[in-house]
Amino acid sequence: MAKDPVDFHTMDFLSSATVNVTCGQVLMDRQRHIAIVAKKGRTCAYLVHVKSGILKLTKHATKDLAADWLEADYQYERALDKLIEMGRRKGITDSARTALERLLKNGREPSQRMLFG
C-alpha cells in the first residue's frame, strides 16, 4: 500500500545500500530520539544515543543505518548539549563520554551530507 501523499503524520524510512554520514551529524529514530555520529568508518558508524536507559556508544553497519535512522532537523550544538545533559541525568558509558568530549573539543558543526543521497 502506498503512503498517502497528504499524510504528514508518518515518516518514510528509506532503504539504501550507500548511506552518507559524517562525524557529528545529528540523526533521529522513529521515536524521535536523537543520536550523534561519533565516528565513521568505511562500513560502520558509531552513534552516541540513549540505549537501555543510559547513554551509550553503539556500532551500526552503514548499510543498516537507513532502516533505523533519518536525518534530524536539529542543531548540532543543541543536540550535543542535550546528549551531555542526558548523560549527567541518566548515566553514560566511558566510551560515549569520550566520544562526546571529542565532539565538544572540535567545537564546530560538521558539514551535513544527504543521508540517503
Protein backbone atom coordinates (compact mmCIF):
# COMPACT_ATOMS: atom_id res chain seq x y z
CA MET A 1 0.00 0.00 0.00
CA ALA A 2 1.42 3.38 -0.96
CA LYS A 3 1.71 6.21 1.51
CA ASP A 4 -0.97 8.88 1.26
CA PRO A 5 0.77 11.97 -0.24
CA VAL A 6 -1.00 14.30 2.21
CA ASP A 7 -0.17 12.22 5.29
CA PHE A 8 2.23 14.38 7.32
CA HIS A 9 1.99 12.27 10.50
CA THR A 10 4.24 9.44 9.38
CA MET A 11 7.87 9.42 8.28
CA ASP A 12 9.33 7.37 5.48
CA PHE A 13 12.48 5.41 6.26
CA LEU A 14 14.32 4.54 3.08
CA SER A 15 16.48 1.53 2.47
CA SER A 16 19.79 2.33 0.87
CA ALA A 17 22.97 0.39 0.34
CA THR A 18 25.06 3.57 0.43
CA VAL A 19 24.49 5.90 3.33
CA ASN A 20 26.43 9.13 3.62
CA VAL A 21 27.03 10.16 7.21
CA THR A 22 29.62 12.45 8.65
CA CYS A 23 31.16 12.67 12.10
CA GLY A 24 28.99 14.92 14.25
CA GLN A 25 25.85 14.50 12.15
CA VAL A 26 22.60 14.50 14.13
CA LEU A 27 20.18 11.64 13.43
CA MET A 28 16.74 10.71 14.77
CA ASP A 29 14.97 7.37 15.15
CA ARG A 30 11.26 6.54 14.75
CA GLN A 31 10.55 7.50 18.36
CA ARG A 32 12.20 10.90 17.72
CA HIS A 33 15.23 10.11 19.91
CA ILE A 34 18.36 11.89 18.77
CA ALA A 35 21.81 10.47 18.19
CA ILE A 36 25.11 11.94 17.07
CA VAL A 37 27.55 10.19 14.77
CA ALA A 38 30.72 10.00 16.88
CA LYS A 39 32.95 8.06 14.48
CA LYS A 40 32.60 6.84 10.94
CA GLY A 41 34.41 4.07 9.16
CA ARG A 42 34.01 2.67 5.67
CA THR A 43 31.46 0.05 6.66
CA CYS A 44 30.21 1.22 10.05
CA ALA A 45 29.31 4.28 12.09
CA TYR A 46 29.36 4.74 15.86
CA LEU A 47 26.39 6.60 17.33
CA VAL A 48 26.01 8.15 20.79
CA HIS A 49 22.40 7.77 21.92
CA VAL A 50 20.26 6.55 24.82
CA LYS A 51 20.00 2.77 24.85
CA SER A 52 18.59 0.75 27.74
CA GLY A 53 18.17 3.92 29.79
CA ILE A 54 21.83 5.02 29.58
CA LEU A 55 23.86 6.98 27.04
CA LYS A 56 25.98 4.55 25.02
CA LEU A 57 28.26 4.42 22.01
CA THR A 58 26.92 1.78 19.63
CA LYS A 59 28.25 0.42 16.34
CA HIS A 60 25.96 0.28 13.29
CA ALA A 61 26.65 -1.02 9.80
CA THR A 62 26.29 1.92 7.42
CA LYS A 63 24.05 -0.15 5.15
CA ASP A 64 21.63 -0.66 8.08
CA LEU A 65 21.51 2.97 9.25
CA ALA A 66 18.82 3.91 6.73
CA ALA A 67 16.47 1.30 8.22
CA ASP A 68 16.53 2.79 11.72
CA TRP A 69 17.67 6.42 11.45
CA LEU A 70 16.93 9.52 9.44
CA GLU A 71 18.41 12.98 9.19
CA ALA A 72 17.31 15.22 12.05
CA ASP A 73 16.43 18.84 11.59
CA TYR A 74 18.17 19.56 14.90
CA GLN A 75 21.02 21.98 15.56
CA TYR A 76 24.37 20.31 16.23
CA GLU A 77 25.19 22.38 19.33
CA ARG A 78 21.72 21.87 20.78
CA ALA A 79 21.87 18.10 20.20
CA LEU A 80 25.34 17.87 21.72
CA ASP A 81 24.26 19.84 24.81
CA LYS A 82 21.12 17.72 25.15
CA LEU A 83 23.06 14.45 24.99
CA ILE A 84 25.64 15.70 27.53
CA GLU A 85 22.80 16.68 29.89
CA MET A 86 21.11 13.27 29.37
CA GLY A 87 24.41 11.61 30.26
CA ARG A 88 24.52 13.54 33.54
CA ARG A 89 20.94 12.62 34.42
CA LYS A 90 20.67 9.03 33.18
CA GLY A 91 24.27 7.86 33.18
CA ILE A 92 26.84 7.45 30.45
CA THR A 93 29.40 4.85 29.45
CA ASP A 94 33.08 5.80 29.29
CA SER A 95 33.21 5.33 25.52
CA ALA A 96 30.19 7.60 24.99
CA ARG A 97 31.68 10.24 27.31
CA THR A 98 34.98 10.18 25.40
CA ALA A 99 33.16 10.47 22.06
CA LEU A 100 31.07 13.44 23.23
CA GLU A 101 34.15 15.15 24.69
CA ARG A 102 35.93 14.73 21.36
CA LEU A 103 32.97 16.28 19.51
CA LEU A 104 32.79 19.10 22.05
CA LYS A 105 36.52 19.74 21.69
CA ASN A 106 36.20 20.07 17.91
CA GLY A 107 33.79 22.91 18.61
CA ARG A 108 32.30 23.23 15.16
CA GLU A 109 29.31 21.90 13.32
CA PRO A 110 30.17 19.29 10.71
CA SER A 111 29.19 19.78 7.11
CA GLN A 112 25.94 17.88 6.74
CA ARG A 113 25.57 15.40 3.90
CA MET A 114 22.47 13.91 2.43
CA LEU A 115 21.91 10.72 4.41
CA PHE A 116 20.09 8.96 1.61
CA GLY A 117 21.86 10.55 -1.35
